[in-house]
Amino acid sequence: MATKTKGGAFELSLERLEKIVEELQASELPLEARLKRFEEGVALVRECKKSLDTAAKKVEVLIKSSGGKVEARLFDEVRQRLRETGSGEYEAKEETTD
């Protein structure tokens, strides 16, 4: 499996996964070796997904809404709202409960 270094584990795992895919596509490996590569690839996919999920949680942006309360918004949602306003300023959606 890929060697882990601080700050580069995801990139190393992804690079190893790409090499495994190339090896499997070449079809030159015996069945047993292909199964071992596939198993390693599945483990790497899970590892990469976990890293991406962790990163997504860290990419939450805190926004102070016009109502004065702090809200946690995912980065993609904030970026989309910035595009919608076109002004570069975030406008929190008001949610009314009557």
N, C-alpha and C. Protein backbone atom coordinates (compact mmCIF):
# COMPACT_ATOMS: atom_id res chain seq x y z
N MET A 1 0.83 -1.17 0.00
CA MET A 1 0.00 0.00 0.00
C MET A 1 0.88 1.24 0.00
N ALA A 2 0.31 2.39 -0.28
CA ALA A 2 1.07 3.63 -0.40
C ALA A 2 1.68 4.02 0.93
N THR A 3 2.89 4.58 0.86
CA THR A 3 3.55 5.09 2.04
C THR A 3 2.88 6.39 2.45
N LYS A 4 2.66 6.56 3.73
CA LYS A 4 1.95 7.73 4.21
C LYS A 4 2.95 8.78 4.72
N THR A 5 2.75 10.02 4.31
CA THR A 5 3.51 11.13 4.85
C THR A 5 2.51 12.19 5.24
N LYS A 6 2.87 12.96 6.26
CA LYS A 6 1.95 13.99 6.75
C LYS A 6 1.62 14.96 5.63
N GLY A 7 0.32 15.20 5.43
CA GLY A 7 -0.13 16.16 4.43
C GLY A 7 -0.20 15.61 3.02
N GLY A 8 0.24 14.39 2.78
CA GLY A 8 0.22 13.86 1.43
C GLY A 8 -0.39 12.48 1.31
N ALA A 9 -1.01 12.01 2.37
CA ALA A 9 -1.56 10.66 2.37
C ALA A 9 -2.61 10.49 1.28
N PHE A 10 -3.50 11.46 1.13
CA PHE A 10 -4.55 11.37 0.13
C PHE A 10 -3.94 11.30 -1.27
N GLU A 11 -3.01 12.19 -1.55
CA GLU A 11 -2.39 12.23 -2.88
C GLU A 11 -1.65 10.94 -3.19
N LEU A 12 -0.94 10.41 -2.20
CA LEU A 12 -0.21 9.15 -2.41
C LEU A 12 -1.17 7.99 -2.64
N SER A 13 -2.26 7.97 -1.88
CA SER A 13 -3.26 6.91 -2.06
C SER A 13 -3.90 6.99 -3.43
N LEU A 14 -4.22 8.21 -3.86
CA LEU A 14 -4.83 8.40 -5.16
C LEU A 14 -3.87 8.01 -6.28
N GLU A 15 -2.61 8.36 -6.13
CA GLU A 15 -1.59 7.99 -7.12
C GLU A 15 -1.46 6.47 -7.22
N ARG A 16 -1.43 5.79 -6.08
CA ARG A 16 -1.33 4.33 -6.07
C ARG A 16 -2.57 3.71 -6.72
N LEU A 17 -3.73 4.29 -6.42
CA LEU A 17 -4.98 3.80 -7.00
C LEU A 17 -4.94 3.92 -8.53
N GLU A 18 -4.43 5.02 -9.03
CA GLU A 18 -4.31 5.21 -10.49
C GLU A 18 -3.40 4.15 -11.10
N LYS A 19 -2.30 3.83 -10.41
CA LYS A 19 -1.38 2.79 -10.91
C LYS A 19 -2.06 1.43 -10.93
N ILE A 20 -2.85 1.15 -9.91
CA ILE A 20 -3.57 -0.13 -9.86
C ILE A 20 -4.54 -0.23 -11.03
N VAL A 21 -5.26 0.84 -11.30
CA VAL A 21 -6.21 0.84 -12.42
C VAL A 21 -5.47 0.57 -13.73
N GLU A 22 -4.32 1.22 -13.93
CA GLU A 22 -3.53 0.99 -15.14
C GLU A 22 -3.10 -0.47 -15.25
N GLU A 23 -2.66 -1.04 -14.13
CA GLU A 23 -2.23 -2.44 -14.13
C GLU A 23 -3.39 -3.38 -14.47
N LEU A 24 -4.54 -3.10 -13.91
CA LEU A 24 -5.70 -3.94 -14.17
C LEU A 24 -6.17 -3.82 -15.61
N GLN A 25 -6.05 -2.63 -16.17
CA GLN A 25 -6.47 -2.43 -17.56
C GLN A 25 -5.52 -3.09 -18.55
N ALA A 26 -4.26 -3.25 -18.15
CA ALA A 26 -3.28 -3.87 -19.03
C ALA A 26 -3.57 -5.36 -19.25
N SER A 27 -4.27 -5.99 -18.35
CA SER A 27 -4.68 -7.40 -18.44
C SER A 27 -3.50 -8.36 -18.57
N GLU A 28 -2.34 -7.98 -18.08
CA GLU A 28 -1.18 -8.86 -18.18
C GLU A 28 -0.91 -9.60 -16.87
N LEU A 29 -1.69 -9.35 -15.86
CA LEU A 29 -1.48 -9.99 -14.57
C LEU A 29 -2.30 -11.26 -14.48
N PRO A 30 -1.78 -12.25 -13.76
CA PRO A 30 -2.58 -13.45 -13.52
C PRO A 30 -3.76 -13.12 -12.60
N LEU A 31 -4.75 -13.95 -12.62
CA LEU A 31 -5.99 -13.70 -11.87
C LEU A 31 -5.72 -13.41 -10.39
N GLU A 32 -4.88 -14.19 -9.75
CA GLU A 32 -4.61 -14.00 -8.32
C GLU A 32 -4.00 -12.62 -8.05
N ALA A 33 -3.09 -12.20 -8.90
CA ALA A 33 -2.48 -10.87 -8.73
C ALA A 33 -3.51 -9.77 -8.98
N ARG A 34 -4.38 -9.98 -9.97
CA ARG A 34 -5.43 -9.00 -10.27
C ARG A 34 -6.39 -8.86 -9.08
N LEU A 35 -6.73 -9.97 -8.44
CA LEU A 35 -7.61 -9.92 -7.27
C LEU A 35 -6.95 -9.17 -6.11
N LYS A 36 -5.64 -9.39 -5.92
CA LYS A 36 -4.93 -8.68 -4.86
C LYS A 36 -4.89 -7.17 -5.14
N ARG A 37 -4.65 -6.80 -6.39
CA ARG A 37 -4.65 -5.37 -6.76
C ARG A 37 -6.04 -4.77 -6.57
N PHE A 38 -7.06 -5.53 -6.96
CA PHE A 38 -8.43 -5.05 -6.79
C PHE A 38 -8.75 -4.82 -5.31
N GLU A 39 -8.35 -5.77 -4.48
CA GLU A 39 -8.58 -5.64 -3.04
C GLU A 39 -7.86 -4.41 -2.48
N GLU A 40 -6.63 -4.21 -2.90
CA GLU A 40 -5.88 -3.03 -2.47
C GLU A 40 -6.57 -1.75 -2.95
N GLY A 41 -7.07 -1.79 -4.18
CA GLY A 41 -7.77 -0.63 -4.73
C GLY A 41 -9.02 -0.28 -3.96
N VAL A 42 -9.78 -1.28 -3.56
CA VAL A 42 -10.99 -1.04 -2.77
C VAL A 42 -10.63 -0.38 -1.44
N ALA A 43 -9.58 -0.86 -0.80
CA ALA A 43 -9.14 -0.27 0.47
C ALA A 43 -8.70 1.19 0.26
N LEU A 44 -8.02 1.45 -0.84
CA LEU A 44 -7.59 2.82 -1.13
C LEU A 44 -8.76 3.74 -1.41
N VAL A 45 -9.76 3.24 -2.12
CA VAL A 45 -10.96 4.04 -2.39
C VAL A 45 -11.63 4.42 -1.07
N ARG A 46 -11.74 3.47 -0.17
CA ARG A 46 -12.35 3.75 1.14
C ARG A 46 -11.53 4.79 1.91
N GLU A 47 -10.22 4.64 1.85
CA GLU A 47 -9.33 5.58 2.53
C GLU A 47 -9.47 6.99 1.94
N CYS A 48 -9.51 7.08 0.62
CA CYS A 48 -9.67 8.38 -0.04
C CYS A 48 -11.02 9.01 0.29
N LYS A 49 -12.06 8.20 0.31
CA LYS A 49 -13.39 8.71 0.64
C LYS A 49 -13.42 9.26 2.05
N LYS A 50 -12.79 8.54 2.98
CA LYS A 50 -12.73 9.01 4.36
C LYS A 50 -12.00 10.35 4.44
N SER A 51 -10.89 10.47 3.71
CA SER A 51 -10.14 11.72 3.70
C SER A 51 -10.98 12.86 3.13
N LEU A 52 -11.70 12.59 2.05
CA LEU A 52 -12.55 13.62 1.43
C LEU A 52 -13.70 14.02 2.35
N ASP A 53 -14.29 13.05 3.03
CA ASP A 53 -15.37 13.36 3.97
C ASP A 53 -14.87 14.24 5.11
N THR A 54 -13.69 13.92 5.62
CA THR A 54 -13.09 14.72 6.68
C THR A 54 -12.80 16.14 6.20
N ALA A 55 -12.27 16.25 4.98
CA ALA A 55 -11.98 17.57 4.42
C ALA A 55 -13.25 18.38 4.22
N ALA A 56 -14.33 17.72 3.78
CA ALA A 56 -15.59 18.43 3.56
C ALA A 56 -16.12 19.01 4.86
N LYS A 57 -15.96 18.28 5.94
CA LYS A 57 -16.41 18.78 7.24
C LYS A 57 -15.59 20.00 7.68
N LYS A 58 -14.31 20.01 7.32
CA LYS A 58 -13.44 21.12 7.69
C LYS A 58 -13.70 22.37 6.86
N VAL A 59 -14.34 22.18 5.69
CA VAL A 59 -14.55 23.28 4.78
C VAL A 59 -15.88 23.98 5.04
N GLU A 60 -16.42 23.79 6.22
CA GLU A 60 -17.63 24.52 6.57
C GLU A 60 -17.25 25.97 6.86
N VAL A 61 -18.08 26.86 6.44
CA VAL A 61 -17.83 28.28 6.65
C VAL A 61 -18.89 28.82 7.60
N LEU A 62 -18.43 29.53 8.62
CA LEU A 62 -19.38 30.13 9.56
C LEU A 62 -19.81 31.49 9.02
N ILE A 63 -21.10 31.69 8.98
CA ILE A 63 -21.67 32.92 8.45
C ILE A 63 -22.57 33.54 9.52
N LYS A 64 -22.43 34.79 9.67
CA LYS A 64 -23.33 35.47 10.59
C LYS A 64 -24.48 36.01 9.75
N SER A 65 -25.65 35.49 9.99
CA SER A 65 -26.80 35.89 9.19
C SER A 65 -27.32 37.25 9.64
N SER A 66 -28.20 37.78 8.86
CA SER A 66 -28.76 39.09 9.18
C SER A 66 -29.57 39.06 10.47
N GLY A 67 -30.03 37.89 10.87
CA GLY A 67 -30.77 37.74 12.11
C GLY A 67 -29.87 37.73 13.34
N GLY A 68 -28.56 37.70 13.13
CA GLY A 68 -27.63 37.76 14.24
C GLY A 68 -27.15 36.42 14.75
N LYS A 69 -27.70 35.32 14.25
CA LYS A 69 -27.24 34.03 14.74
C LYS A 69 -26.20 33.45 13.78
N VAL A 70 -25.30 32.67 14.32
CA VAL A 70 -24.22 32.07 13.54
C VAL A 70 -24.74 30.78 12.93
N GLU A 71 -24.48 30.60 11.64
CA GLU A 71 -24.91 29.41 10.93
C GLU A 71 -23.69 28.74 10.31
N ALA A 72 -23.69 27.42 10.26
CA ALA A 72 -22.64 26.68 9.56
C ALA A 72 -23.17 26.34 8.18
N ARG A 73 -22.46 26.75 7.15
CA ARG A 73 -22.85 26.45 5.77
C ARG A 73 -21.69 25.73 5.09
N LEU A 74 -21.99 24.77 4.27
CA LEU A 74 -20.95 24.12 3.49
C LEU A 74 -20.38 25.10 2.49
N PHE A 75 -19.09 24.97 2.22
CA PHE A 75 -18.40 25.89 1.32
C PHE A 75 -19.08 25.98 -0.04
N ASP A 76 -19.48 24.86 -0.62
CA ASP A 76 -20.12 24.88 -1.94
C ASP A 76 -21.41 25.68 -1.93
N GLU A 77 -22.17 25.58 -0.85
CA GLU A 77 -23.41 26.35 -0.74
C GLU A 77 -23.11 27.85 -0.69
N VAL A 78 -22.09 28.22 0.08
CA VAL A 78 -21.71 29.63 0.18
C VAL A 78 -21.23 30.13 -1.18
N ARG A 79 -20.41 29.36 -1.84
CA ARG A 79 -19.89 29.76 -3.15
C ARG A 79 -21.04 29.95 -4.15
N GLN A 80 -22.00 29.05 -4.14
CA GLN A 80 -23.15 29.16 -5.03
C GLN A 80 -23.95 30.43 -4.74
N ARG A 81 -24.18 30.72 -3.47
CA ARG A 81 -24.92 31.93 -3.10
C ARG A 81 -24.16 33.18 -3.53
N LEU A 82 -22.82 33.16 -3.45
CA LEU A 82 -22.03 34.30 -3.91
C LEU A 82 -22.19 34.50 -5.41
N ARG A 83 -22.24 33.40 -6.13
CA ARG A 83 -22.45 33.50 -7.58
C ARG A 83 -23.84 34.05 -7.88
N GLU A 84 -24.82 33.62 -7.12
CA GLU A 84 -26.19 34.07 -7.34
C GLU A 84 -26.34 35.57 -7.11
N THR A 85 -25.68 36.09 -6.07
CA THR A 85 -25.81 37.52 -5.78
C THR A 85 -24.98 38.34 -6.73
N GLY A 86 -23.88 37.77 -7.23
CA GLY A 86 -23.02 38.49 -8.18
C GLY A 86 -22.24 39.62 -7.56
N SER A 87 -22.46 39.89 -6.29
CA SER A 87 -21.79 41.02 -5.66
C SER A 87 -20.56 40.61 -4.87
N GLY A 88 -20.37 39.32 -4.68
CA GLY A 88 -19.25 38.87 -3.86
C GLY A 88 -19.58 38.91 -2.38
N GLU A 89 -20.80 39.29 -2.05
CA GLU A 89 -21.22 39.31 -0.66
C GLU A 89 -22.22 38.19 -0.42
N TYR A 90 -22.07 37.55 0.70
CA TYR A 90 -22.97 36.44 1.02
C TYR A 90 -24.23 36.99 1.66
N GLU A 91 -25.36 36.53 1.17
CA GLU A 91 -26.64 36.90 1.77
C GLU A 91 -27.29 35.62 2.28
N ALA A 92 -27.44 35.52 3.58
CA ALA A 92 -28.05 34.33 4.17
C ALA A 92 -29.53 34.30 3.81
N LYS A 93 -30.01 33.10 3.50
CA LYS A 93 -31.43 32.94 3.22
C LYS A 93 -32.19 33.04 4.52
N GLU A 94 -33.18 33.87 4.52
CA GLU A 94 -34.01 34.01 5.71
C GLU A 94 -35.02 32.88 5.76
N GLU A 95 -35.10 32.22 6.89
CA GLU A 95 -36.08 31.18 7.08
C GLU A 95 -37.06 31.68 8.13
N THR A 96 -38.29 31.82 7.73
CA THR A 96 -39.30 32.31 8.67
C THR A 96 -40.13 31.16 9.18
N THR A 97 -40.39 31.20 10.46
CA THR A 97 -41.24 30.20 11.07
C THR A 97 -42.41 30.93 11.70
N ASP A 98 -43.57 30.77 11.14
CA ASP A 98 -44.75 31.44 11.67
C ASP A 98 -45.66 30.48 12.36
